[in-house]
Amino acid sequence: MYKLFVGGLPFATTDDELNELFATYGTVASAVVVKDRDTGRSKGFGFVEFENDDEGKAAEQALNGSDLGGRSITVNEARPKEDKPRRF
């Protein structure tokens, strides 16, 4: 699996639209726009997983800095989530 972070998404972008954009580069295992837990609104970023590393890398190269809905999107390989201390 090759997981990509996609930032700078227009807030109206849906999971299906994200999947459709990346599917032109290969087999997308999942495409998710991250939403705010309380409001359900998009946070403006998401993650796309490819089954094939080469396809994921091709999508990263082609789409990083491209225009989506009037916004320049950032696409790069996702890093593992860091454990942050919880705030109370």
C-alpha atoms as a PDB file:
ATOM      1  CA  MET A   1       0.000   0.000   0.000  1.00  0.00           C
ATOM      2  CA  TYR A   2       1.169   3.516  -0.818  1.00  0.00           C
ATOM      3  CA  LYS A   3      -0.587   6.198   1.223  1.00  0.00           C
ATOM      4  CA  LEU A   4      -0.687   9.819   0.104  1.00  0.00           C
ATOM      5  CA  PHE A   5      -1.510  12.949   2.070  1.00  0.00           C
ATOM      6  CA  VAL A   6      -3.541  15.447   0.020  1.00  0.00           C
ATOM      7  CA  GLY A   7      -3.681  18.995   1.399  1.00  0.00           C
ATOM      8  CA  GLY A   8      -5.249  22.247   0.269  1.00  0.00           C
ATOM      9  CA  LEU A   9      -8.486  20.623  -0.837  1.00  0.00           C
ATOM     10  CA  PRO A  10     -11.503  22.828  -1.500  1.00  0.00           C
ATOM     11  CA  PHE A  11     -13.875  22.347   1.446  1.00  0.00           C
ATOM     12  CA  ALA A  12     -16.622  21.044  -0.865  1.00  0.00           C
ATOM     13  CA  THR A  13     -14.499  18.098  -2.097  1.00  0.00           C
ATOM     14  CA  THR A  14     -16.099  14.693  -1.463  1.00  0.00           C
ATOM     15  CA  ASP A  15     -14.524  11.263  -1.002  1.00  0.00           C
ATOM     16  CA  ASP A  16     -15.870  10.245  -4.428  1.00  0.00           C
ATOM     17  CA  GLU A  17     -14.349  13.294  -6.149  1.00  0.00           C
ATOM     18  CA  LEU A  18     -10.988  12.594  -4.506  1.00  0.00           C
ATOM     19  CA  ASN A  19     -11.178   8.953  -5.600  1.00  0.00           C
ATOM     20  CA  GLU A  20     -12.096   9.969  -9.158  1.00  0.00           C
ATOM     21  CA  LEU A  21      -9.171  12.410  -9.394  1.00  0.00           C
ATOM     22  CA  PHE A  22      -6.596   9.825  -8.319  1.00  0.00           C
ATOM     23  CA  ALA A  23      -8.136   6.785 -10.076  1.00  0.00           C
ATOM     24  CA  THR A  24      -6.763   8.006 -13.422  1.00  0.00           C
ATOM     25  CA  TYR A  25      -3.311   6.972 -12.119  1.00  0.00           C
ATOM     26  CA  GLY A  26      -4.164   3.474 -10.898  1.00  0.00           C
ATOM     27  CA  THR A  27      -6.169   1.354  -8.502  1.00  0.00           C
ATOM     28  CA  VAL A  28      -7.253   3.408  -5.502  1.00  0.00           C
ATOM     29  CA  ALA A  29      -7.817   1.294  -2.386  1.00  0.00           C
ATOM     30  CA  SER A  30      -9.362   4.190  -0.451  1.00  0.00           C
ATOM     31  CA  ALA A  31      -9.868   7.940  -0.684  1.00  0.00           C
ATOM     32  CA  VAL A  32     -11.048   9.855   2.372  1.00  0.00           C
ATOM     33  CA  VAL A  33     -11.559  13.564   3.000  1.00  0.00           C
ATOM     34  CA  VAL A  34     -10.970  14.224   6.710  1.00  0.00           C
ATOM     35  CA  LYS A  35     -13.942  15.865   8.403  1.00  0.00           C
ATOM     36  CA  ASP A  36     -14.309  17.740  11.675  1.00  0.00           C
ATOM     37  CA  ARG A  37     -15.686  15.452  14.351  1.00  0.00           C
ATOM     38  CA  ASP A  38     -18.118  18.033  15.717  1.00  0.00           C
ATOM     39  CA  THR A  39     -19.357  19.871  12.618  1.00  0.00           C
ATOM     40  CA  GLY A  40     -18.904  17.225   9.909  1.00  0.00           C
ATOM     41  CA  ARG A  41     -17.268  19.844   7.654  1.00  0.00           C
ATOM     42  CA  SER A  42     -14.151  19.081   5.642  1.00  0.00           C
ATOM     43  CA  LYS A  43     -10.831  20.045   7.207  1.00  0.00           C
ATOM     44  CA  GLY A  44      -9.359  20.665   3.740  1.00  0.00           C
ATOM     45  CA  PHE A  45      -7.158  17.581   3.568  1.00  0.00           C
ATOM     46  CA  GLY A  46      -7.451  13.869   3.036  1.00  0.00           C
ATOM     47  CA  PHE A  47      -5.677  10.605   2.337  1.00  0.00           C
ATOM     48  CA  VAL A  48      -5.559   8.362  -0.721  1.00  0.00           C
ATOM     49  CA  GLU A  49      -4.232   4.804  -0.653  1.00  0.00           C
ATOM     50  CA  PHE A  50      -2.992   3.011  -3.753  1.00  0.00           C
ATOM     51  CA  GLU A  51      -2.570  -0.745  -3.929  1.00  0.00           C
ATOM     52  CA  ASN A  52       0.525  -0.323  -6.125  1.00  0.00           C
ATOM     53  CA  ASP A  53       3.490   1.822  -5.008  1.00  0.00           C
ATOM     54  CA  ASP A  54       4.439   2.833  -8.567  1.00  0.00           C
ATOM     55  CA  GLU A  55       0.915   4.077  -9.303  1.00  0.00           C
ATOM     56  CA  GLY A  56       0.879   6.046  -6.061  1.00  0.00           C
ATOM     57  CA  LYS A  57       4.228   7.643  -6.833  1.00  0.00           C
ATOM     58  CA  ALA A  58       3.048   8.540 -10.362  1.00  0.00           C
ATOM     59  CA  ALA A  59      -0.061  10.231  -8.927  1.00  0.00           C
ATOM     60  CA  GLU A  60       2.075  12.084  -6.375  1.00  0.00           C
ATOM     61  CA  GLN A  61       4.393  13.408  -9.105  1.00  0.00           C
ATOM     62  CA  ALA A  62       1.560  14.384 -11.450  1.00  0.00           C
ATOM     63  CA  LEU A  63      -0.862  15.970  -8.982  1.00  0.00           C
ATOM     64  CA  ASN A  64       1.382  17.773  -6.474  1.00  0.00           C
ATOM     65  CA  GLY A  65       0.877  21.496  -7.065  1.00  0.00           C
ATOM     66  CA  SER A  66      -2.007  20.950  -9.483  1.00  0.00           C
ATOM     67  CA  ASP A  67      -5.235  22.958  -9.431  1.00  0.00           C
ATOM     68  CA  LEU A  68      -8.433  21.516  -7.952  1.00  0.00           C
ATOM     69  CA  GLY A  69     -11.448  23.787  -7.704  1.00  0.00           C
ATOM     70  CA  GLY A  70      -9.277  26.900  -7.897  1.00  0.00           C
ATOM     71  CA  ARG A  71      -6.875  25.752  -5.163  1.00  0.00           C
ATOM     72  CA  SER A  72      -3.356  24.407  -5.510  1.00  0.00           C
ATOM     73  CA  ILE A  73      -3.232  21.000  -3.827  1.00  0.00           C
ATOM     74  CA  THR A  74      -0.270  19.435  -2.062  1.00  0.00           C
ATOM     75  CA  VAL A  75       0.295  15.720  -2.597  1.00  0.00           C
ATOM     76  CA  ASN A  76       3.039  13.774  -0.835  1.00  0.00           C
ATOM     77  CA  GLU A  77       3.646  10.438   0.820  1.00  0.00           C
ATOM     78  CA  ALA A  78       1.833  10.249   4.146  1.00  0.00           C
ATOM     79  CA  ARG A  79       3.995  10.005   7.241  1.00  0.00           C
ATOM     80  CA  PRO A  80       2.950   7.870  10.208  1.00  0.00           C
ATOM     81  CA  LYS A  81       0.840   9.743  12.734  1.00  0.00           C
ATOM     82  CA  GLU A  82       2.921  11.016  15.633  1.00  0.00           C
ATOM     83  CA  ASP A  83       1.722  10.400  19.163  1.00  0.00           C
ATOM     84  CA  LYS A  84       1.016  13.768  20.709  1.00  0.00           C
ATOM     85  CA  PRO A  85       0.296  14.303  24.364  1.00  0.00           C
ATOM     86  CA  ARG A  86      -3.418  14.815  24.950  1.00  0.00           C
ATOM     87  CA  ARG A  87      -4.536  18.259  26.005  1.00  0.00           C
ATOM     88  CA  PHE A  88      -7.134  18.600  28.718  1.00  0.00           C
END
